[in-house]
Amino acid sequence: MFAIVNIKGHQYRVQENQQVFIPKMKDEIGSKVTFSDVLMFSPDDKTFEIGAPKLEMTVEATITGHVKDDKVIVFKKKRRKGYKVRRGHRQNYTQITINKIV
């Protein structure tokens, strides 16, 4: 059983008891959240329910942590000008555990 859910503008394929990293949310660790933008649902891998644009289902999840992604190095250079800039970026994510698809 799986569902495709729209969370903060990104689509994720989720199953029960799965850990998913989503863009940072302001909720506390341990709080429960629900996502109502279910775009597709499949009780098995042979039959599908596709929403137009979404289904009347919800996905319930628990926030398990706030983490940062690996560092991405941004390096800019212009040749023969002496211009070099090196910057790093770490994106913030929230780790959730999918409890159930209702």
PDB file of N, CA and C in Angstrom:
ATOM      1  N   MET A   1       0.840  -1.170   0.000  1.00  0.00           N
ATOM      2  CA  MET A   1       0.000   0.000   0.000  1.00  0.00           C
ATOM      3  C   MET A   1       0.887   1.235   0.000  1.00  0.00           C
ATOM      4  N   PHE A   2       0.606   2.173  -0.915  1.00  0.00           N
ATOM      5  CA  PHE A   2       1.350   3.417  -0.952  1.00  0.00           C
ATOM      6  C   PHE A   2       0.448   4.539  -1.441  1.00  0.00           C
ATOM      7  N   ALA A   3       0.914   5.760  -1.228  1.00  0.00           N
ATOM      8  CA  ALA A   3       0.186   6.939  -1.685  1.00  0.00           C
ATOM      9  C   ALA A   3       1.198   7.959  -2.185  1.00  0.00           C
ATOM     10  N   ILE A   4       0.760   8.799  -3.089  1.00  0.00           N
ATOM     11  CA  ILE A   4       1.576   9.923  -3.541  1.00  0.00           C
ATOM     12  C   ILE A   4       0.948  11.176  -2.954  1.00  0.00           C
ATOM     13  N   VAL A   5       1.762  11.914  -2.181  1.00  0.00           N
ATOM     14  CA  VAL A   5       1.273  13.043  -1.402  1.00  0.00           C
ATOM     15  C   VAL A   5       2.025  14.301  -1.808  1.00  0.00           C
ATOM     16  N   ASN A   6       1.310  15.409  -1.880  1.00  0.00           N
ATOM     17  CA  ASN A   6       1.916  16.701  -2.140  1.00  0.00           C
ATOM     18  C   ASN A   6       2.178  17.369  -0.788  1.00  0.00           C
ATOM     19  N   ILE A   7       3.462  17.553  -0.445  1.00  0.00           N
ATOM     20  CA  ILE A   7       3.856  18.189   0.807  1.00  0.00           C
ATOM     21  C   ILE A   7       4.718  19.392   0.474  1.00  0.00           C
ATOM     22  N   LYS A   8       4.207  20.582   0.734  1.00  0.00           N
ATOM     23  CA  LYS A   8       4.932  21.838   0.519  1.00  0.00           C
ATOM     24  C   LYS A   8       5.456  21.958  -0.915  1.00  0.00           C
ATOM     25  N   GLY A   9       4.651  21.587  -1.890  1.00  0.00           N
ATOM     26  CA  GLY A   9       5.028  21.749  -3.283  1.00  0.00           C
ATOM     27  C   GLY A   9       5.839  20.619  -3.881  1.00  0.00           C
ATOM     28  N   HIS A  10       6.169  19.589  -3.096  1.00  0.00           N
ATOM     29  CA  HIS A  10       6.913  18.436  -3.588  1.00  0.00           C
ATOM     30  C   HIS A  10       6.042  17.190  -3.459  1.00  0.00           C
ATOM     31  N   GLN A  11       6.165  16.277  -4.416  1.00  0.00           N
ATOM     32  CA  GLN A  11       5.381  15.050  -4.381  1.00  0.00           C
ATOM     33  C   GLN A  11       6.251  13.902  -3.874  1.00  0.00           C
ATOM     34  N   TYR A  12       5.716  13.155  -2.894  1.00  0.00           N
ATOM     35  CA  TYR A  12       6.441  12.055  -2.283  1.00  0.00           C
ATOM     36  C   TYR A  12       5.611  10.784  -2.367  1.00  0.00           C
ATOM     37  N   ARG A  13       6.290   9.663  -2.632  1.00  0.00           N
ATOM     38  CA  ARG A  13       5.653   8.347  -2.599  1.00  0.00           C
ATOM     39  C   ARG A  13       5.893   7.794  -1.208  1.00  0.00           C
ATOM     40  N   VAL A  14       4.819   7.617  -0.430  1.00  0.00           N
ATOM     41  CA  VAL A  14       4.961   7.232   0.973  1.00  0.00           C
ATOM     42  C   VAL A  14       4.233   5.925   1.251  1.00  0.00           C
ATOM     43  N   GLN A  15       4.774   5.190   2.222  1.00  0.00           N
ATOM     44  CA  GLN A  15       4.165   3.973   2.742  1.00  0.00           C
ATOM     45  C   GLN A  15       4.131   4.092   4.252  1.00  0.00           C
ATOM     46  N   GLU A  16       3.361   3.225   4.898  1.00  0.00           N
ATOM     47  CA  GLU A  16       3.300   3.259   6.355  1.00  0.00           C
ATOM     48  C   GLU A  16       4.644   2.839   6.939  1.00  0.00           C
ATOM     49  N   ASN A  17       5.006   3.440   8.070  1.00  0.00           N
ATOM     50  CA  ASN A  17       6.262   3.205   8.801  1.00  0.00           C
ATOM     51  C   ASN A  17       7.490   3.594   7.987  1.00  0.00           C
ATOM     52  N   GLN A  18       7.364   4.544   7.079  1.00  0.00           N
ATOM     53  CA  GLN A  18       8.479   4.996   6.257  1.00  0.00           C
ATOM     54  C   GLN A  18       9.002   6.326   6.792  1.00  0.00           C
ATOM     55  N   GLN A  19      10.313   6.527   6.746  1.00  0.00           N
ATOM     56  CA  GLN A  19      10.942   7.790   7.127  1.00  0.00           C
ATOM     57  C   GLN A  19      11.103   8.639   5.868  1.00  0.00           C
ATOM     58  N   VAL A  20      10.660   9.905   5.926  1.00  0.00           N
ATOM     59  CA  VAL A  20      10.729  10.793   4.774  1.00  0.00           C
ATOM     60  C   VAL A  20      11.330  12.123   5.231  1.00  0.00           C
ATOM     61  N   PHE A  21      12.199  12.700   4.395  1.00  0.00           N
ATOM     62  CA  PHE A  21      12.756  14.019   4.654  1.00  0.00           C
ATOM     63  C   PHE A  21      12.015  15.022   3.789  1.00  0.00           C
ATOM     64  N   ILE A  22      11.374  16.005   4.425  1.00  0.00           N
ATOM     65  CA  ILE A  22      10.593  17.015   3.726  1.00  0.00           C
ATOM     66  C   ILE A  22      11.184  18.383   4.040  1.00  0.00           C
ATOM     67  N   PRO A  23      10.818  19.425   3.295  1.00  0.00           N
ATOM     68  CA  PRO A  23      11.309  20.767   3.632  1.00  0.00           C
ATOM     69  C   PRO A  23      10.911  21.166   5.055  1.00  0.00           C
ATOM     70  N   LYS A  24      11.712  22.003   5.670  1.00  0.00           N
ATOM     71  CA  LYS A  24      11.591  22.343   7.090  1.00  0.00           C
ATOM     72  C   LYS A  24      10.189  22.822   7.458  1.00  0.00           C
ATOM     73  N   MET A  25       9.670  22.250   8.560  1.00  0.00           N
ATOM     74  CA  MET A  25       8.399  22.660   9.137  1.00  0.00           C
ATOM     75  C   MET A  25       8.679  23.249  10.512  1.00  0.00           C
ATOM     76  N   LYS A  26       7.803  24.131  10.991  1.00  0.00           N
ATOM     77  CA  LYS A  26       8.025  24.802  12.261  1.00  0.00           C
ATOM     78  C   LYS A  26       7.463  24.034  13.456  1.00  0.00           C
ATOM     79  N   ASP A  27       6.837  22.878  13.226  1.00  0.00           N
ATOM     80  CA  ASP A  27       6.251  22.109  14.316  1.00  0.00           C
ATOM     81  C   ASP A  27       7.337  21.472  15.175  1.00  0.00           C
ATOM     82  N   GLU A  28       6.969  21.123  16.403  1.00  0.00           N
ATOM     83  CA  GLU A  28       7.908  20.543  17.366  1.00  0.00           C
ATOM     84  C   GLU A  28       8.130  19.058  17.087  1.00  0.00           C
ATOM     85  N   ILE A  29       9.250  18.539  17.599  1.00  0.00           N
ATOM     86  CA  ILE A  29       9.547  17.117  17.472  1.00  0.00           C
ATOM     87  C   ILE A  29       8.549  16.328  18.320  1.00  0.00           C
ATOM     88  N   GLY A  30       7.983  15.282  17.745  1.00  0.00           N
ATOM     89  CA  GLY A  30       7.001  14.465  18.441  1.00  0.00           C
ATOM     90  C   GLY A  30       5.566  14.850  18.139  1.00  0.00           C
ATOM     91  N   SER A  31       5.348  15.993  17.491  1.00  0.00           N
ATOM     92  CA  SER A  31       3.974  16.397  17.179  1.00  0.00           C
ATOM     93  C   SER A  31       3.479  15.643  15.952  1.00  0.00           C
ATOM     94  N   LYS A  32       2.178  15.494  15.872  1.00  0.00           N
ATOM     95  CA  LYS A  32       1.558  14.779  14.763  1.00  0.00           C
ATOM     96  C   LYS A  32       1.047  15.786  13.740  1.00  0.00           C
ATOM     97  N   VAL A  33       1.252  15.477  12.469  1.00  0.00           N
ATOM     98  CA  VAL A  33       0.797  16.325  11.377  1.00  0.00           C
ATOM     99  C   VAL A  33      -0.009  15.473  10.404  1.00  0.00           C
ATOM    100  N   THR A  34      -0.927  16.117   9.689  1.00  0.00           N
ATOM    101  CA  THR A  34      -1.713  15.423   8.669  1.00  0.00           C
ATOM    102  C   THR A  34      -1.558  16.159   7.349  1.00  0.00           C
ATOM    103  N   PHE A  35      -1.511  15.394   6.285  1.00  0.00           N
ATOM    104  CA  PHE A  35      -1.406  15.939   4.934  1.00  0.00           C
ATOM    105  C   PHE A  35      -2.636  15.476   4.163  1.00  0.00           C
ATOM    106  N   SER A  36      -3.368  16.428   3.601  1.00  0.00           N
ATOM    107  CA  SER A  36      -4.624  16.089   2.936  1.00  0.00           C
ATOM    108  C   SER A  36      -4.530  16.113   1.411  1.00  0.00           C
ATOM    109  N   ASP A  37      -3.392  16.503   0.862  1.00  0.00           N
ATOM    110  CA  ASP A  37      -3.238  16.542  -0.596  1.00  0.00           C
ATOM    111  C   ASP A  37      -2.744  15.192  -1.116  1.00  0.00           C
ATOM    112  N   VAL A  38      -3.607  14.185  -1.081  1.00  0.00           N
ATOM    113  CA  VAL A  38      -3.264  12.858  -1.589  1.00  0.00           C
ATOM    114  C   VAL A  38      -3.650  12.820  -3.065  1.00  0.00           C
ATOM    115  N   LEU A  39      -2.664  12.638  -3.929  1.00  0.00           N
ATOM    116  CA  LEU A  39      -2.897  12.681  -5.366  1.00  0.00           C
ATOM    117  C   LEU A  39      -3.212  11.302  -5.947  1.00  0.00           C
ATOM    118  N   MET A  40      -2.645  10.248  -5.338  1.00  0.00           N
ATOM    119  CA  MET A  40      -2.876   8.901  -5.835  1.00  0.00           C
ATOM    120  C   MET A  40      -2.755   7.920  -4.676  1.00  0.00           C
ATOM    121  N   PHE A  41      -3.533   6.837  -4.725  1.00  0.00           N
ATOM    122  CA  PHE A  41      -3.502   5.821  -3.688  1.00  0.00           C
ATOM    123  C   PHE A  41      -3.576   4.453  -4.336  1.00  0.00           C
ATOM    124  N   SER A  42      -2.816   3.511  -3.775  1.00  0.00           N
ATOM    125  CA  SER A  42      -2.832   2.142  -4.279  1.00  0.00           C
ATOM    126  C   SER A  42      -2.828   1.179  -3.101  1.00  0.00           C
ATOM    127  N   PRO A  43      -3.914   0.409  -2.911  1.00  0.00           N
ATOM    128  CA  PRO A  43      -3.908  -0.581  -1.834  1.00  0.00           C
ATOM    129  C   PRO A  43      -2.964  -1.751  -2.134  1.00  0.00           C
ATOM    130  N   ASP A  44      -2.747  -2.040  -3.403  1.00  0.00           N
ATOM    131  CA  ASP A  44      -1.742  -3.011  -3.826  1.00  0.00           C
ATOM    132  C   ASP A  44      -1.086  -2.428  -5.071  1.00  0.00           C
ATOM    133  N   ASP A  45      -0.172  -3.124  -5.690  1.00  0.00           N
ATOM    134  CA  ASP A  45       0.527  -2.572  -6.846  1.00  0.00           C
ATOM    135  C   ASP A  45      -0.212  -2.792  -8.159  1.00  0.00           C
ATOM    136  N   LYS A  46      -1.458  -3.272  -8.098  1.00  0.00           N
ATOM    137  CA  LYS A  46      -2.196  -3.565  -9.319  1.00  0.00           C
ATOM    138  C   LYS A  46      -3.361  -2.615  -9.560  1.00  0.00           C
ATOM    139  N   THR A  47      -3.947  -2.061  -8.494  1.00  0.00           N
ATOM    140  CA  THR A  47      -5.073  -1.141  -8.652  1.00  0.00           C
ATOM    141  C   THR A  47      -4.677   0.224  -8.109  1.00  0.00           C
ATOM    142  N   PHE A  48      -5.199   1.258  -8.757  1.00  0.00           N
ATOM    143  CA  PHE A  48      -4.839   2.628  -8.396  1.00  0.00           C
ATOM    144  C   PHE A  48      -6.087   3.490  -8.334  1.00  0.00           C
ATOM    145  N   GLU A  49      -6.100   4.421  -7.398  1.00  0.00           N
ATOM    146  CA  GLU A  49      -7.112   5.469  -7.350  1.00  0.00           C
ATOM    147  C   GLU A  49      -6.391   6.778  -7.613  1.00  0.00           C
ATOM    148  N   ILE A  50      -6.811   7.474  -8.645  1.00  0.00           N
ATOM    149  CA  ILE A  50      -6.156   8.725  -9.022  1.00  0.00           C
ATOM    150  C   ILE A  50      -7.138   9.862  -8.800  1.00  0.00           C
ATOM    151  N   GLY A  51      -6.694  10.885  -8.096  1.00  0.00           N
ATOM    152  CA  GLY A  51      -7.547  12.022  -7.791  1.00  0.00           C
ATOM    153  C   GLY A  51      -7.614  13.002  -8.938  1.00  0.00           C
ATOM    154  N   ALA A  52      -8.700  13.761  -8.960  1.00  0.00           N
ATOM    155  CA  ALA A  52      -8.861  14.786  -9.977  1.00  0.00           C
ATOM    156  C   ALA A  52      -9.332  16.072  -9.307  1.00  0.00           C
ATOM    157  N   PRO A  53      -8.525  16.888  -8.697  1.00  0.00           N
ATOM    158  CA  PRO A  53      -7.067  16.823  -8.598  1.00  0.00           C
ATOM    159  C   PRO A  53      -6.553  16.042  -7.389  1.00  0.00           C
ATOM    160  N   LYS A  54      -7.392  15.824  -6.346  1.00  0.00           N
ATOM    161  CA  LYS A  54      -6.896  15.052  -5.198  1.00  0.00           C
ATOM    162  C   LYS A  54      -8.000  14.181  -4.621  1.00  0.00           C
ATOM    163  N   LEU A  55      -7.585  13.218  -3.796  1.00  0.00           N
ATOM    164  CA  LEU A  55      -8.513  12.273  -3.187  1.00  0.00           C
ATOM    165  C   LEU A  55      -8.968  12.769  -1.820  1.00  0.00           C
ATOM    166  N   GLU A  56     -10.061  12.213  -1.327  1.00  0.00           N
ATOM    167  CA  GLU A  56     -10.574  12.538   0.005  1.00  0.00           C
ATOM    168  C   GLU A  56      -9.928  11.633   1.042  1.00  0.00           C
ATOM    169  N   MET A  57      -8.613  11.660   1.112  1.00  0.00           N
ATOM    170  CA  MET A  57      -7.858  10.846   2.051  1.00  0.00           C
ATOM    171  C   MET A  57      -6.875  11.749   2.777  1.00  0.00           C
ATOM    172  N   THR A  58      -6.325  11.240   3.872  1.00  0.00           N
ATOM    173  CA  THR A  58      -5.284  11.964   4.596  1.00  0.00           C
ATOM    174  C   THR A  58      -4.146  11.021   4.942  1.00  0.00           C
ATOM    175  N   VAL A  59      -2.976  11.588   5.113  1.00  0.00           N
ATOM    176  CA  VAL A  59      -1.799  10.846   5.550  1.00  0.00           C
ATOM    177  C   VAL A  59      -1.391  11.444   6.892  1.00  0.00           C
ATOM    178  N   GLU A  60      -1.317  10.582   7.912  1.00  0.00           N
ATOM    179  CA  GLU A  60      -0.941  11.033   9.244  1.00  0.00           C
ATOM    180  C   GLU A  60       0.510  10.667   9.494  1.00  0.00           C
ATOM    181  N   ALA A  61       1.268  11.627  10.057  1.00  0.00           N
ATOM    182  CA  ALA A  61       2.697  11.423  10.278  1.00  0.00           C
ATOM    183  C   ALA A  61       3.112  12.048  11.606  1.00  0.00           C
ATOM    184  N   THR A  62       4.287  11.637  12.098  1.00  0.00           N
ATOM    185  CA  THR A  62       4.873  12.171  13.314  1.00  0.00           C
ATOM    186  C   THR A  62       6.237  12.762  12.978  1.00  0.00           C
ATOM    187  N   ILE A  63       6.507  13.951  13.490  1.00  0.00           N
ATOM    188  CA  ILE A  63       7.805  14.589  13.259  1.00  0.00           C
ATOM    189  C   ILE A  63       8.826  13.947  14.187  1.00  0.00           C
ATOM    190  N   THR A  64       9.908  13.421  13.605  1.00  0.00           N
ATOM    191  CA  THR A  64      10.922  12.731  14.407  1.00  0.00           C
ATOM    192  C   THR A  64      12.216  13.517  14.526  1.00  0.00           C
ATOM    193  N   GLY A  65      12.393  14.596  13.768  1.00  0.00           N
ATOM    194  CA  GLY A  65      13.614  15.382  13.924  1.00  0.00           C
ATOM    195  C   GLY A  65      13.749  16.470  12.885  1.00  0.00           C
ATOM    196  N   HIS A  66      14.651  17.404  13.178  1.00  0.00           N
ATOM    197  CA  HIS A  66      15.011  18.469  12.246  1.00  0.00           C
ATOM    198  C   HIS A  66      16.495  18.295  11.937  1.00  0.00           C
ATOM    199  N   VAL A  67      16.836  18.163  10.663  1.00  0.00           N
ATOM    200  CA  VAL A  67      18.207  17.874  10.259  1.00  0.00           C
ATOM    201  C   VAL A  67      18.623  18.818   9.137  1.00  0.00           C
ATOM    202  N   LYS A  68      19.928  18.811   8.835  1.00  0.00           N
ATOM    203  CA  LYS A  68      20.461  19.575   7.721  1.00  0.00           C
ATOM    204  C   LYS A  68      21.045  18.611   6.697  1.00  0.00           C
ATOM    205  N   ASP A  69      20.965  18.986   5.430  1.00  0.00           N
ATOM    206  CA  ASP A  69      21.508  18.183   4.348  1.00  0.00           C
ATOM    207  C   ASP A  69      23.030  18.357   4.293  1.00  0.00           C
ATOM    208  N   ASP A  70      23.692  17.597   3.452  1.00  0.00           N
ATOM    209  CA  ASP A  70      25.122  17.751   3.256  1.00  0.00           C
ATOM    210  C   ASP A  70      25.430  19.113   2.646  1.00  0.00           C
ATOM    211  N   LYS A  71      26.637  19.588   2.879  1.00  0.00           N
ATOM    212  CA  LYS A  71      27.023  20.901   2.379  1.00  0.00           C
ATOM    213  C   LYS A  71      27.230  20.867   0.869  1.00  0.00           C
ATOM    214  N   VAL A  72      26.692  21.879   0.208  1.00  0.00           N
ATOM    215  CA  VAL A  72      26.875  22.067  -1.228  1.00  0.00           C
ATOM    216  C   VAL A  72      27.785  23.274  -1.392  1.00  0.00           C
ATOM    217  N   ILE A  73      28.891  23.108  -2.106  1.00  0.00           N
ATOM    218  CA  ILE A  73      29.848  24.186  -2.312  1.00  0.00           C
ATOM    219  C   ILE A  73      29.487  24.938  -3.591  1.00  0.00           C
ATOM    220  N   VAL A  74      29.389  26.262  -3.487  1.00  0.00           N
ATOM    221  CA  VAL A  74      29.131  27.130  -4.636  1.00  0.00           C
ATOM    222  C   VAL A  74      30.410  27.924  -4.870  1.00  0.00           C
ATOM    223  N   PHE A  75      31.044  27.727  -6.011  1.00  0.00           N
ATOM    224  CA  PHE A  75      32.313  28.385  -6.315  1.00  0.00           C
ATOM    225  C   PHE A  75      32.157  29.184  -7.596  1.00  0.00           C
ATOM    226  N   LYS A  76      32.440  30.480  -7.514  1.00  0.00           N
ATOM    227  CA  LYS A  76      32.360  31.356  -8.679  1.00  0.00           C
ATOM    228  C   LYS A  76      33.750  31.882  -8.988  1.00  0.00           C
ATOM    229  N   LYS A  77      34.062  31.988 -10.278  1.00  0.00           N
ATOM    230  CA  LYS A  77      35.366  32.482 -10.667  1.00  0.00           C
ATOM    231  C   LYS A  77      35.264  33.154 -12.020  1.00  0.00           C
ATOM    232  N   LYS A  78      35.978  34.268 -12.156  1.00  0.00           N
ATOM    233  CA  LYS A  78      36.111  34.914 -13.458  1.00  0.00           C
ATOM    234  C   LYS A  78      37.589  34.920 -13.815  1.00  0.00           C
ATOM    235  N   ARG A  79      37.913  34.348 -14.922  1.00  0.00           N
ATOM    236  CA  ARG A  79      39.326  34.177 -15.255  1.00  0.00           C
ATOM    237  C   ARG A  79      39.982  35.522 -15.567  1.00  0.00           C
ATOM    238  N   ARG A  80      41.218  35.609 -15.182  1.00  0.00           N
ATOM    239  CA  ARG A  80      42.095  36.774 -15.403  1.00  0.00           C
ATOM    240  C   ARG A  80      41.626  38.028 -14.693  1.00  0.00           C
ATOM    241  N   LYS A  81      40.679  37.952 -13.794  1.00  0.00           N
ATOM    242  CA  LYS A  81      40.181  39.140 -13.089  1.00  0.00           C
ATOM    243  C   LYS A  81      40.488  39.105 -11.602  1.00  0.00           C
ATOM    244  N   GLY A  82      40.932  37.979 -11.088  1.00  0.00           N
ATOM    245  CA  GLY A  82      41.220  37.870  -9.665  1.00  0.00           C
ATOM    246  C   GLY A  82      39.963  37.737  -8.816  1.00  0.00           C
ATOM    247  N   TYR A  83      38.846  37.337  -9.432  1.00  0.00           N
ATOM    248  CA  TYR A  83      37.570  37.223  -8.723  1.00  0.00           C
ATOM    249  C   TYR A  83      37.296  35.754  -8.421  1.00  0.00           C
ATOM    250  N   LYS A  84      37.252  35.422  -7.119  1.00  0.00           N
ATOM    251  CA  LYS A  84      36.905  34.072  -6.686  1.00  0.00           C
ATOM    252  C   LYS A  84      36.027  34.195  -5.443  1.00  0.00           C
ATOM    253  N   VAL A  85      34.917  33.476  -5.429  1.00  0.00           N
ATOM    254  CA  VAL A  85      34.019  33.448  -4.272  1.00  0.00           C
ATOM    255  C   VAL A  85      33.685  31.992  -3.991  1.00  0.00           C
ATOM    256  N   ARG A  86      33.837  31.583  -2.735  1.00  0.00           N
ATOM    257  CA  ARG A  86      33.515  30.215  -2.338  1.00  0.00           C
ATOM    258  C   ARG A  86      32.502  30.290  -1.204  1.00  0.00           C
ATOM    259  N   ARG A  87      31.337  29.718  -1.426  1.00  0.00           N
ATOM    260  CA  ARG A  87      30.284  29.721  -0.418  1.00  0.00           C
ATOM    261  C   ARG A  87      29.733  28.322  -0.269  1.00  0.00           C
ATOM    262  N   GLY A  88      29.201  28.042   0.910  1.00  0.00           N
ATOM    263  CA  GLY A  88      28.577  26.754   1.162  1.00  0.00           C
ATOM    264  C   GLY A  88      27.131  26.936   1.563  1.00  0.00           C
ATOM    265  N   HIS A  89      26.340  25.882   1.372  1.00  0.00           N
ATOM    266  CA  HIS A  89      24.919  25.940   1.725  1.00  0.00           C
ATOM    267  C   HIS A  89      24.491  24.587   2.264  1.00  0.00           C
ATOM    268  N   ARG A  90      23.730  24.604   3.366  1.00  0.00           N
ATOM    269  CA  ARG A  90      23.146  23.378   3.921  1.00  0.00           C
ATOM    270  C   ARG A  90      21.651  23.597   4.066  1.00  0.00           C
ATOM    271  N   GLN A  91      20.865  22.813   3.338  1.00  0.00           N
ATOM    272  CA  GLN A  91      19.407  22.942   3.356  1.00  0.00           C
ATOM    273  C   GLN A  91      18.829  22.298   4.608  1.00  0.00           C
ATOM    274  N   ASN A  92      17.828  22.943   5.210  1.00  0.00           N
ATOM    275  CA  ASN A  92      17.152  22.408   6.391  1.00  0.00           C
ATOM    276  C   ASN A  92      16.010  21.489   5.974  1.00  0.00           C
ATOM    277  N   TYR A  93      15.912  20.337   6.651  1.00  0.00           N
ATOM    278  CA  TYR A  93      14.853  19.376   6.396  1.00  0.00           C
ATOM    279  C   TYR A  93      14.212  18.944   7.703  1.00  0.00           C
ATOM    280  N   THR A  94      12.989  18.443   7.610  1.00  0.00           N
ATOM    281  CA  THR A  94      12.301  17.841   8.739  1.00  0.00           C
ATOM    282  C   THR A  94      12.112  16.369   8.424  1.00  0.00           C
ATOM    283  N   GLN A  95      12.454  15.518   9.372  1.00  0.00           N
ATOM    284  CA  GLN A  95      12.300  14.072   9.193  1.00  0.00           C
ATOM    285  C   GLN A  95      10.975  13.655   9.810  1.00  0.00           C
ATOM    286  N   ILE A  96      10.144  12.977   9.013  1.00  0.00           N
ATOM    287  CA  ILE A  96       8.851  12.514   9.511  1.00  0.00           C
ATOM    288  C   ILE A  96       8.752  11.010   9.321  1.00  0.00           C
ATOM    289  N   THR A  97       7.894  10.396  10.145  1.00  0.00           N
ATOM    290  CA  THR A  97       7.573   8.977  10.018  1.00  0.00           C
ATOM    291  C   THR A  97       6.090   8.877   9.683  1.00  0.00           C
ATOM    292  N   ILE A  98       5.761   8.166   8.617  1.00  0.00           N
ATOM    293  CA  ILE A  98       4.378   8.012   8.195  1.00  0.00           C
ATOM    294  C   ILE A  98       3.716   6.989   9.108  1.00  0.00           C
ATOM    295  N   ASN A  99       2.637   7.409   9.809  1.00  0.00           N
ATOM    296  CA  ASN A  99       1.938   6.512  10.714  1.00  0.00           C
ATOM    297  C   ASN A  99       0.883   5.679   9.983  1.00  0.00           C
ATOM    298  N   LYS A 100      -0.040   6.368   9.305  1.00  0.00           N
ATOM    299  CA  LYS A 100      -1.064   5.626   8.569  1.00  0.00           C
ATOM    300  C   LYS A 100      -1.628   6.469   7.448  1.00  0.00           C
ATOM    301  N   ILE A 101      -2.177   5.766   6.476  1.00  0.00           N
ATOM    302  CA  ILE A 101      -2.848   6.395   5.330  1.00  0.00           C
ATOM    303  C   ILE A 101      -4.311   6.085   5.466  1.00  0.00           C
ATOM    304  N   VAL A 102      -5.113   7.115   5.683  1.00  0.00           N
ATOM    305  CA  VAL A 102      -6.545   6.920   5.946  1.00  0.00           C
ATOM    306  C   VAL A 102      -7.349   7.509   4.814  1.00  0.00           C
TER     307      VAL A 102
END
